[in-house]
Amino acid sequence: MSFAPVLASWLTSFLPGREAHFVVVPRLRLVYARVPKVANTAVRSLLADHVDRTAGPAPPPNKDSFWRGDGAVDGRIVSGAEVLGRYGDHLCFTIVRDPFDRLVSCWSDMIARPAAILPNLDRLGFRRGMEFGDFVERVARIPDRAADLHFRSQASIVSARGRVVPSLVGRMETIGTDWERVRAAVLERTGTDLGSLPQKNVRRRDRSDVQRLFADGRLVDRVRVRYADDFRLFYPGREAPEPAGEAGPTVA
């Protein structure tokens, strides 16, 4: 593969908006650090009920353009540095996912059997129907500064100025109980009950495939190295794939 596509993708990392991963909902004094493949669609769809909307057609809330003014009037999507500088009185939360399971989800939805492969993934050298092992090897060679968000490390998405920005970090594997923590915190701070997460983008309920796809220990090692910061910050001590917990209907 030519180096040019990777270089082009790397250059886009400096375009405005590249590091805007934090959805601000002023009415709730709430900030959500969105991570693709981790209930992102479900959370943003729910938060969209708490912003004023533009008149007429709008993109869905899981699209960044919705939060840049094409759908939300008072909501925003900003960088982690801006959150630290301007929204210190807001509660900031995120939801992370076991890197092994997140990578399998990315491959299953976007590589193994998609209707069409995303242009950015195509530019990075991925192809429709690519074997899982080849996919992992390709991911392992692409640094975060050039990576598509669907497989970029979670630590790089939710961090700024050398620290994790969200003060409340939930896990996909315990999303039921962790969402209740977010819900309770917002209720206490604002008197607003966010309610339960909706079911969005349910594609893969059975996660027994994670251990099967990572039967080759070399692939486990590749992921451990590629996502070292994710394991260190969010899953310390996890050396290999484990059976999924309660994560289920809100996968997105």
C-alpha atoms as a PDB file:
ATOM      1  CA  MET A   1       0.000   0.000   0.000  1.00  0.00           C
ATOM      2  CA  SER A   2       1.195   3.539  -0.756  1.00  0.00           C
ATOM      3  CA  PHE A   3       2.170   5.718   2.194  1.00  0.00           C
ATOM      4  CA  ALA A   4       0.247   8.636   0.681  1.00  0.00           C
ATOM      5  CA  PRO A   5      -3.220   7.712   2.056  1.00  0.00           C
ATOM      6  CA  VAL A   6      -1.862   7.402   5.596  1.00  0.00           C
ATOM      7  CA  LEU A   7      -0.012  10.709   5.217  1.00  0.00           C
ATOM      8  CA  ALA A   8      -3.173  12.380   3.971  1.00  0.00           C
ATOM      9  CA  SER A   9      -5.143  11.042   6.911  1.00  0.00           C
ATOM     10  CA  TRP A  10      -2.405  12.145   9.309  1.00  0.00           C
ATOM     11  CA  LEU A  11      -2.528  15.671   7.900  1.00  0.00           C
ATOM     12  CA  THR A  12      -6.261  15.854   8.575  1.00  0.00           C
ATOM     13  CA  SER A  13      -5.497  15.462  12.268  1.00  0.00           C
ATOM     14  CA  PHE A  14      -4.612  19.159  12.289  1.00  0.00           C
ATOM     15  CA  LEU A  15      -7.838  20.366  10.716  1.00  0.00           C
ATOM     16  CA  PRO A  16     -10.243  22.322  12.966  1.00  0.00           C
ATOM     17  CA  GLY A  17     -12.668  20.045  14.753  1.00  0.00           C
ATOM     18  CA  ARG A  18     -10.432  16.970  14.650  1.00  0.00           C
ATOM     19  CA  GLU A  19     -10.095  17.022  18.447  1.00  0.00           C
ATOM     20  CA  ALA A  20     -13.690  18.086  19.184  1.00  0.00           C
ATOM     21  CA  HIS A  21     -14.962  15.018  21.028  1.00  0.00           C
ATOM     22  CA  PHE A  22     -16.897  16.585  23.912  1.00  0.00           C
ATOM     23  CA  VAL A  23     -20.641  17.219  23.619  1.00  0.00           C
ATOM     24  CA  VAL A  24     -21.799  20.110  25.822  1.00  0.00           C
ATOM     25  CA  VAL A  25     -25.403  20.334  27.057  1.00  0.00           C
ATOM     26  CA  PRO A  26     -25.565  23.725  28.838  1.00  0.00           C
ATOM     27  CA  ARG A  27     -29.077  23.225  30.196  1.00  0.00           C
ATOM     28  CA  LEU A  28     -27.825  20.263  32.234  1.00  0.00           C
ATOM     29  CA  ARG A  29     -24.335  21.634  32.888  1.00  0.00           C
ATOM     30  CA  LEU A  30     -23.198  18.348  31.402  1.00  0.00           C
ATOM     31  CA  VAL A  31     -20.383  17.301  29.068  1.00  0.00           C
ATOM     32  CA  TYR A  32     -20.188  13.915  27.380  1.00  0.00           C
ATOM     33  CA  ALA A  33     -16.893  12.693  25.911  1.00  0.00           C
ATOM     34  CA  ARG A  34     -18.111  10.622  23.002  1.00  0.00           C
ATOM     35  CA  VAL A  35     -16.237   7.469  22.028  1.00  0.00           C
ATOM     36  CA  PRO A  36     -17.339   5.710  18.809  1.00  0.00           C
ATOM     37  CA  LYS A  37     -18.331   2.056  19.259  1.00  0.00           C
ATOM     38  CA  VAL A  38     -19.232   2.654  22.918  1.00  0.00           C
ATOM     39  CA  ALA A  39     -22.973   3.440  23.177  1.00  0.00           C
ATOM     40  CA  ASN A  40     -22.254   6.753  21.484  1.00  0.00           C
ATOM     41  CA  THR A  41     -25.472   6.787  19.444  1.00  0.00           C
ATOM     42  CA  ALA A  42     -27.633   5.917  22.449  1.00  0.00           C
ATOM     43  CA  VAL A  43     -26.128   8.601  24.692  1.00  0.00           C
ATOM     44  CA  ARG A  44     -26.171  11.392  22.122  1.00  0.00           C
ATOM     45  CA  SER A  45     -29.724  10.568  21.090  1.00  0.00           C
ATOM     46  CA  LEU A  46     -30.831  10.923  24.701  1.00  0.00           C
ATOM     47  CA  LEU A  47     -28.898  14.160  25.274  1.00  0.00           C
ATOM     48  CA  ALA A  48     -30.452  15.664  22.164  1.00  0.00           C
ATOM     49  CA  ASP A  49     -33.758  15.738  24.041  1.00  0.00           C
ATOM     50  CA  HIS A  50     -32.257  18.394  26.300  1.00  0.00           C
ATOM     51  CA  VAL A  51     -31.227  20.995  23.714  1.00  0.00           C
ATOM     52  CA  ASP A  52     -33.200  23.440  21.605  1.00  0.00           C
ATOM     53  CA  ARG A  53     -33.267  22.369  17.955  1.00  0.00           C
ATOM     54  CA  THR A  54     -33.074  24.209  14.691  1.00  0.00           C
ATOM     55  CA  ALA A  55     -36.163  24.394  12.532  1.00  0.00           C
ATOM     56  CA  GLY A  56     -36.435  22.022   9.606  1.00  0.00           C
ATOM     57  CA  PRO A  57     -34.501  18.858   8.712  1.00  0.00           C
ATOM     58  CA  ALA A  58     -31.385  18.080  10.719  1.00  0.00           C
ATOM     59  CA  PRO A  59     -28.763  15.314  10.858  1.00  0.00           C
ATOM     60  CA  PRO A  60     -29.236  12.674  13.567  1.00  0.00           C
ATOM     61  CA  PRO A  61     -27.747  13.437  17.007  1.00  0.00           C
ATOM     62  CA  ASN A  62     -24.994  10.847  16.591  1.00  0.00           C
ATOM     63  CA  LYS A  63     -23.448  13.058  13.886  1.00  0.00           C
ATOM     64  CA  ASP A  64     -21.044  15.792  14.971  1.00  0.00           C
ATOM     65  CA  SER A  65     -22.709  18.234  12.569  1.00  0.00           C
ATOM     66  CA  PHE A  66     -25.853  18.072  14.718  1.00  0.00           C
ATOM     67  CA  TRP A  67     -23.878  19.530  17.632  1.00  0.00           C
ATOM     68  CA  ARG A  68     -22.104  22.087  15.465  1.00  0.00           C
ATOM     69  CA  GLY A  69     -25.337  23.965  14.770  1.00  0.00           C
ATOM     70  CA  ASP A  70     -27.073  21.905  12.096  1.00  0.00           C
ATOM     71  CA  GLY A  71     -29.442  20.421  14.674  1.00  0.00           C
ATOM     72  CA  ALA A  72     -28.745  21.735  18.171  1.00  0.00           C
ATOM     73  CA  VAL A  73     -29.104  25.448  18.851  1.00  0.00           C
ATOM     74  CA  ASP A  74     -27.600  25.578  22.335  1.00  0.00           C
ATOM     75  CA  GLY A  75     -25.578  22.346  22.343  1.00  0.00           C
ATOM     76  CA  ARG A  76     -21.949  22.266  21.236  1.00  0.00           C
ATOM     77  CA  ILE A  77     -19.115  19.870  20.478  1.00  0.00           C
ATOM     78  CA  VAL A  78     -15.742  21.111  21.671  1.00  0.00           C
ATOM     79  CA  SER A  79     -12.210  19.974  22.445  1.00  0.00           C
ATOM     80  CA  GLY A  80     -11.034  18.607  25.750  1.00  0.00           C
ATOM     81  CA  ALA A  81      -8.861  21.678  26.229  1.00  0.00           C
ATOM     82  CA  GLU A  82     -11.953  23.883  25.908  1.00  0.00           C
ATOM     83  CA  VAL A  83     -13.788  21.753  28.448  1.00  0.00           C
ATOM     84  CA  LEU A  84     -10.959  22.253  30.925  1.00  0.00           C
ATOM     85  CA  GLY A  85     -10.798  25.965  30.219  1.00  0.00           C
ATOM     86  CA  ARG A  86     -14.473  26.904  30.005  1.00  0.00           C
ATOM     87  CA  TYR A  87     -16.675  24.195  31.475  1.00  0.00           C
ATOM     88  CA  GLY A  88     -15.107  23.444  34.819  1.00  0.00           C
ATOM     89  CA  ASP A  89     -18.488  23.730  36.556  1.00  0.00           C
ATOM     90  CA  HIS A  90     -20.026  21.060  34.295  1.00  0.00           C
ATOM     91  CA  LEU A  91     -20.109  17.348  35.077  1.00  0.00           C
ATOM     92  CA  CYS A  92     -18.038  15.542  32.440  1.00  0.00           C
ATOM     93  CA  PHE A  93     -18.544  11.833  31.846  1.00  0.00           C
ATOM     94  CA  THR A  94     -17.661   9.171  29.326  1.00  0.00           C
ATOM     95  CA  ILE A  95     -18.178   5.469  28.722  1.00  0.00           C
ATOM     96  CA  VAL A  96     -15.280   3.249  27.689  1.00  0.00           C
ATOM     97  CA  ARG A  97     -15.115  -0.307  26.405  1.00  0.00           C
ATOM     98  CA  ASP A  98     -12.774  -3.267  26.672  1.00  0.00           C
ATOM     99  CA  PRO A  99     -10.329  -2.630  23.788  1.00  0.00           C
ATOM    100  CA  PHE A 100     -10.567  -6.247  22.629  1.00  0.00           C
ATOM    101  CA  ASP A 101     -14.352  -6.088  22.346  1.00  0.00           C
ATOM    102  CA  ARG A 102     -14.334  -2.598  20.815  1.00  0.00           C
ATOM    103  CA  LEU A 103     -11.962  -3.737  18.088  1.00  0.00           C
ATOM    104  CA  VAL A 104     -14.086  -6.795  17.308  1.00  0.00           C
ATOM    105  CA  SER A 105     -17.147  -4.530  17.097  1.00  0.00           C
ATOM    106  CA  CYS A 106     -15.355  -2.216  14.669  1.00  0.00           C
ATOM    107  CA  TRP A 107     -14.278  -5.121  12.461  1.00  0.00           C
ATOM    108  CA  SER A 108     -17.673  -6.839  12.587  1.00  0.00           C
ATOM    109  CA  ASP A 109     -19.685  -3.727  11.684  1.00  0.00           C
ATOM    110  CA  MET A 110     -17.348  -1.892   9.346  1.00  0.00           C
ATOM    111  CA  ILE A 111     -15.050  -4.452   7.752  1.00  0.00           C
ATOM    112  CA  ALA A 112     -16.480  -7.973   7.838  1.00  0.00           C
ATOM    113  CA  ARG A 113     -19.872  -7.304   6.274  1.00  0.00           C
ATOM    114  CA  PRO A 114     -20.702  -3.630   5.729  1.00  0.00           C
ATOM    115  CA  ALA A 115     -22.833  -2.442   2.830  1.00  0.00           C
ATOM    116  CA  ALA A 116     -19.863  -0.241   1.923  1.00  0.00           C
ATOM    117  CA  ILE A 117     -16.594   0.556   3.621  1.00  0.00           C
ATOM    118  CA  LEU A 118     -16.149   4.074   4.986  1.00  0.00           C
ATOM    119  CA  PRO A 119     -13.947   6.293   2.768  1.00  0.00           C
ATOM    120  CA  ASN A 120     -11.521   7.000   5.597  1.00  0.00           C
ATOM    121  CA  LEU A 121     -11.041   3.310   6.304  1.00  0.00           C
ATOM    122  CA  ASP A 122     -10.483   2.719   2.596  1.00  0.00           C
ATOM    123  CA  ARG A 123      -7.822   5.440   2.530  1.00  0.00           C
ATOM    124  CA  LEU A 124      -6.094   3.782   5.466  1.00  0.00           C
ATOM    125  CA  GLY A 125      -5.758   0.505   3.581  1.00  0.00           C
ATOM    126  CA  PHE A 126      -8.682  -1.499   4.955  1.00  0.00           C
ATOM    127  CA  ARG A 127     -10.894  -3.504   2.631  1.00  0.00           C
ATOM    128  CA  ARG A 128     -14.336  -5.025   2.860  1.00  0.00           C
ATOM    129  CA  GLY A 129     -14.231  -8.645   4.019  1.00  0.00           C
ATOM    130  CA  MET A 130     -10.683  -8.353   5.392  1.00  0.00           C
ATOM    131  CA  GLU A 131      -9.766 -11.202   7.751  1.00  0.00           C
ATOM    132  CA  PHE A 132      -9.764 -10.264  11.429  1.00  0.00           C
ATOM    133  CA  GLY A 133      -6.071 -11.010  11.906  1.00  0.00           C
ATOM    134  CA  ASP A 134      -5.125  -8.792   8.954  1.00  0.00           C
ATOM    135  CA  PHE A 135      -7.386  -6.065  10.320  1.00  0.00           C
ATOM    136  CA  VAL A 136      -5.678  -6.144  13.731  1.00  0.00           C
ATOM    137  CA  GLU A 137      -2.226  -6.064  12.153  1.00  0.00           C
ATOM    138  CA  ARG A 138      -3.226  -3.026  10.081  1.00  0.00           C
ATOM    139  CA  VAL A 139      -4.704  -1.225  13.100  1.00  0.00           C
ATOM    140  CA  ALA A 140      -1.537  -1.899  15.090  1.00  0.00           C
ATOM    141  CA  ARG A 141       0.560  -0.064  12.479  1.00  0.00           C
ATOM    142  CA  ILE A 142      -1.558   3.110  12.423  1.00  0.00           C
ATOM    143  CA  PRO A 143      -0.855   5.616  15.218  1.00  0.00           C
ATOM    144  CA  ASP A 144      -3.629   7.562  16.904  1.00  0.00           C
ATOM    145  CA  ARG A 145      -2.755  10.782  15.093  1.00  0.00           C
ATOM    146  CA  ALA A 146      -3.717   9.085  11.796  1.00  0.00           C
ATOM    147  CA  ALA A 147      -6.356   6.636  13.030  1.00  0.00           C
ATOM    148  CA  ASP A 148     -10.026   6.649  12.208  1.00  0.00           C
ATOM    149  CA  LEU A 149     -12.044   7.412  15.348  1.00  0.00           C
ATOM    150  CA  HIS A 150     -13.666   3.995  15.314  1.00  0.00           C
ATOM    151  CA  PHE A 151     -10.369   2.361  16.280  1.00  0.00           C
ATOM    152  CA  ARG A 152      -8.430   5.286  17.720  1.00  0.00           C
ATOM    153  CA  SER A 153      -7.499   4.690  21.362  1.00  0.00           C
ATOM    154  CA  GLN A 154     -10.090   5.798  23.867  1.00  0.00           C
ATOM    155  CA  ALA A 155      -7.445   7.416  26.045  1.00  0.00           C
ATOM    156  CA  SER A 156      -6.446   9.761  23.225  1.00  0.00           C
ATOM    157  CA  ILE A 157     -10.064  10.749  22.593  1.00  0.00           C
ATOM    158  CA  VAL A 158     -11.000  11.618  26.174  1.00  0.00           C
ATOM    159  CA  SER A 159      -7.700  13.188  27.251  1.00  0.00           C
ATOM    160  CA  ALA A 160      -6.316  16.715  26.982  1.00  0.00           C
ATOM    161  CA  ARG A 161      -3.309  18.478  28.469  1.00  0.00           C
ATOM    162  CA  GLY A 162      -1.898  15.170  29.658  1.00  0.00           C
ATOM    163  CA  ARG A 163      -4.928  14.039  31.681  1.00  0.00           C
ATOM    164  CA  VAL A 164      -8.242  12.244  31.340  1.00  0.00           C
ATOM    165  CA  VAL A 165     -10.861  15.003  31.177  1.00  0.00           C
ATOM    166  CA  PRO A 166     -14.040  13.223  32.384  1.00  0.00           C
ATOM    167  CA  SER A 167     -14.393  12.952  36.144  1.00  0.00           C
ATOM    168  CA  LEU A 168     -16.910  10.119  35.788  1.00  0.00           C
ATOM    169  CA  VAL A 169     -15.828   7.149  33.665  1.00  0.00           C
ATOM    170  CA  GLY A 170     -18.245   4.284  33.131  1.00  0.00           C
ATOM    171  CA  ARG A 171     -17.654   0.988  31.367  1.00  0.00           C
ATOM    172  CA  MET A 172     -19.654  -0.623  28.603  1.00  0.00           C
ATOM    173  CA  GLU A 173     -19.419  -3.932  30.456  1.00  0.00           C
ATOM    174  CA  THR A 174     -21.305  -2.450  33.433  1.00  0.00           C
ATOM    175  CA  ILE A 175     -23.313   0.149  31.540  1.00  0.00           C
ATOM    176  CA  GLY A 176     -26.522  -0.540  33.433  1.00  0.00           C
ATOM    177  CA  THR A 177     -25.113   0.394  36.831  1.00  0.00           C
ATOM    178  CA  ASP A 178     -22.718   3.019  35.484  1.00  0.00           C
ATOM    179  CA  TRP A 179     -25.463   4.839  33.578  1.00  0.00           C
ATOM    180  CA  GLU A 180     -27.429   5.000  36.816  1.00  0.00           C
ATOM    181  CA  ARG A 181     -24.446   6.805  38.370  1.00  0.00           C
ATOM    182  CA  VAL A 182     -24.580   9.406  35.595  1.00  0.00           C
ATOM    183  CA  ARG A 183     -28.334   9.667  35.882  1.00  0.00           C
ATOM    184  CA  ALA A 184     -28.183  10.156  39.668  1.00  0.00           C
ATOM    185  CA  ALA A 185     -25.430  12.784  39.422  1.00  0.00           C
ATOM    186  CA  VAL A 186     -27.387  14.836  36.861  1.00  0.00           C
ATOM    187  CA  LEU A 187     -30.566  14.546  38.901  1.00  0.00           C
ATOM    188  CA  GLU A 188     -28.788  15.763  42.029  1.00  0.00           C
ATOM    189  CA  ARG A 189     -27.152  18.685  40.240  1.00  0.00           C
ATOM    190  CA  THR A 190     -30.041  19.867  38.062  1.00  0.00           C
ATOM    191  CA  GLY A 191     -33.256  18.142  39.143  1.00  0.00           C
ATOM    192  CA  THR A 192     -33.547  16.550  35.679  1.00  0.00           C
ATOM    193  CA  ASP A 193     -33.907  12.804  35.281  1.00  0.00           C
ATOM    194  CA  LEU A 194     -32.194  11.698  32.077  1.00  0.00           C
ATOM    195  CA  GLY A 195     -34.073   8.413  32.079  1.00  0.00           C
ATOM    196  CA  SER A 196     -32.876   5.099  30.703  1.00  0.00           C
ATOM    197  CA  LEU A 197     -30.646   4.791  27.667  1.00  0.00           C
ATOM    198  CA  PRO A 198     -32.551   4.011  24.457  1.00  0.00           C
ATOM    199  CA  GLN A 199     -31.738   0.981  22.329  1.00  0.00           C
ATOM    200  CA  LYS A 200     -29.750   2.187  19.335  1.00  0.00           C
ATOM    201  CA  ASN A 201     -27.659   0.443  16.665  1.00  0.00           C
ATOM    202  CA  VAL A 202     -28.012  -3.024  18.142  1.00  0.00           C
ATOM    203  CA  ARG A 203     -25.909  -5.184  15.838  1.00  0.00           C
ATOM    204  CA  ARG A 204     -24.028  -7.674  17.945  1.00  0.00           C
ATOM    205  CA  ARG A 205     -25.538  -9.145  21.101  1.00  0.00           C
ATOM    206  CA  ASP A 206     -23.441 -12.312  21.347  1.00  0.00           C
ATOM    207  CA  ARG A 207     -19.864 -11.451  22.318  1.00  0.00           C
ATOM    208  CA  SER A 208     -18.538 -14.987  22.514  1.00  0.00           C
ATOM    209  CA  ASP A 209     -16.729 -14.169  19.259  1.00  0.00           C
ATOM    210  CA  VAL A 210     -14.165 -12.005  21.096  1.00  0.00           C
ATOM    211  CA  GLN A 211     -12.310 -14.894  22.707  1.00  0.00           C
ATOM    212  CA  ARG A 212     -12.574 -16.954  19.526  1.00  0.00           C
ATOM    213  CA  LEU A 213     -11.167 -14.203  17.293  1.00  0.00           C
ATOM    214  CA  PHE A 214      -8.330 -13.586  19.732  1.00  0.00           C
ATOM    215  CA  ALA A 215      -7.364 -17.250  20.038  1.00  0.00           C
ATOM    216  CA  ASP A 216      -4.013 -16.334  18.468  1.00  0.00           C
ATOM    217  CA  GLY A 217      -1.896 -14.915  21.285  1.00  0.00           C
ATOM    218  CA  ARG A 218       0.054 -12.776  18.831  1.00  0.00           C
ATOM    219  CA  LEU A 219      -3.083 -10.740  18.113  1.00  0.00           C
ATOM    220  CA  VAL A 220      -3.641 -10.288  21.849  1.00  0.00           C
ATOM    221  CA  ASP A 221      -0.105  -8.948  22.168  1.00  0.00           C
ATOM    222  CA  ARG A 222      -0.634  -6.540  19.260  1.00  0.00           C
ATOM    223  CA  VAL A 223      -3.727  -5.098  20.930  1.00  0.00           C
ATOM    224  CA  ARG A 224      -2.072  -4.897  24.337  1.00  0.00           C
ATOM    225  CA  VAL A 225       0.704  -2.777  22.828  1.00  0.00           C
ATOM    226  CA  ARG A 226      -1.492  -0.691  20.495  1.00  0.00           C
ATOM    227  CA  TYR A 227      -3.957   0.195  23.271  1.00  0.00           C
ATOM    228  CA  ALA A 228      -1.519   0.289  26.179  1.00  0.00           C
ATOM    229  CA  ASP A 229      -2.935   3.574  27.484  1.00  0.00           C
ATOM    230  CA  ASP A 230      -6.505   2.265  27.398  1.00  0.00           C
ATOM    231  CA  PHE A 231      -5.525  -0.779  29.426  1.00  0.00           C
ATOM    232  CA  ARG A 232      -3.438   1.257  31.869  1.00  0.00           C
ATOM    233  CA  LEU A 233      -6.112   3.875  32.506  1.00  0.00           C
ATOM    234  CA  PHE A 234      -9.371   1.956  32.209  1.00  0.00           C
ATOM    235  CA  TYR A 235      -8.671  -1.801  32.320  1.00  0.00           C
ATOM    236  CA  PRO A 236      -5.566  -2.315  34.469  1.00  0.00           C
ATOM    237  CA  GLY A 237      -4.593  -5.932  34.846  1.00  0.00           C
ATOM    238  CA  ARG A 238      -6.562  -7.136  31.830  1.00  0.00           C
ATOM    239  CA  GLU A 239      -4.174  -9.335  29.891  1.00  0.00           C
ATOM    240  CA  ALA A 240      -6.565 -11.068  27.488  1.00  0.00           C
ATOM    241  CA  PRO A 241     -10.224 -10.999  26.384  1.00  0.00           C
ATOM    242  CA  GLU A 242     -12.775 -11.845  29.042  1.00  0.00           C
ATOM    243  CA  PRO A 243     -16.429 -12.855  28.695  1.00  0.00           C
ATOM    244  CA  ALA A 244     -18.635  -9.770  28.302  1.00  0.00           C
ATOM    245  CA  GLY A 245     -20.618  -8.562  31.285  1.00  0.00           C
ATOM    246  CA  GLU A 246     -23.957  -6.851  31.038  1.00  0.00           C
ATOM    247  CA  ALA A 247     -23.273  -4.796  27.917  1.00  0.00           C
ATOM    248  CA  GLY A 248     -26.146  -5.408  25.563  1.00  0.00           C
ATOM    249  CA  PRO A 249     -28.786  -3.357  23.854  1.00  0.00           C
ATOM    250  CA  THR A 250     -27.112   0.046  23.787  1.00  0.00           C
ATOM    251  CA  VAL A 251     -24.097  -0.858  21.691  1.00  0.00           C
ATOM    252  CA  ALA A 252     -23.298   1.785  19.057  1.00  0.00           C
END
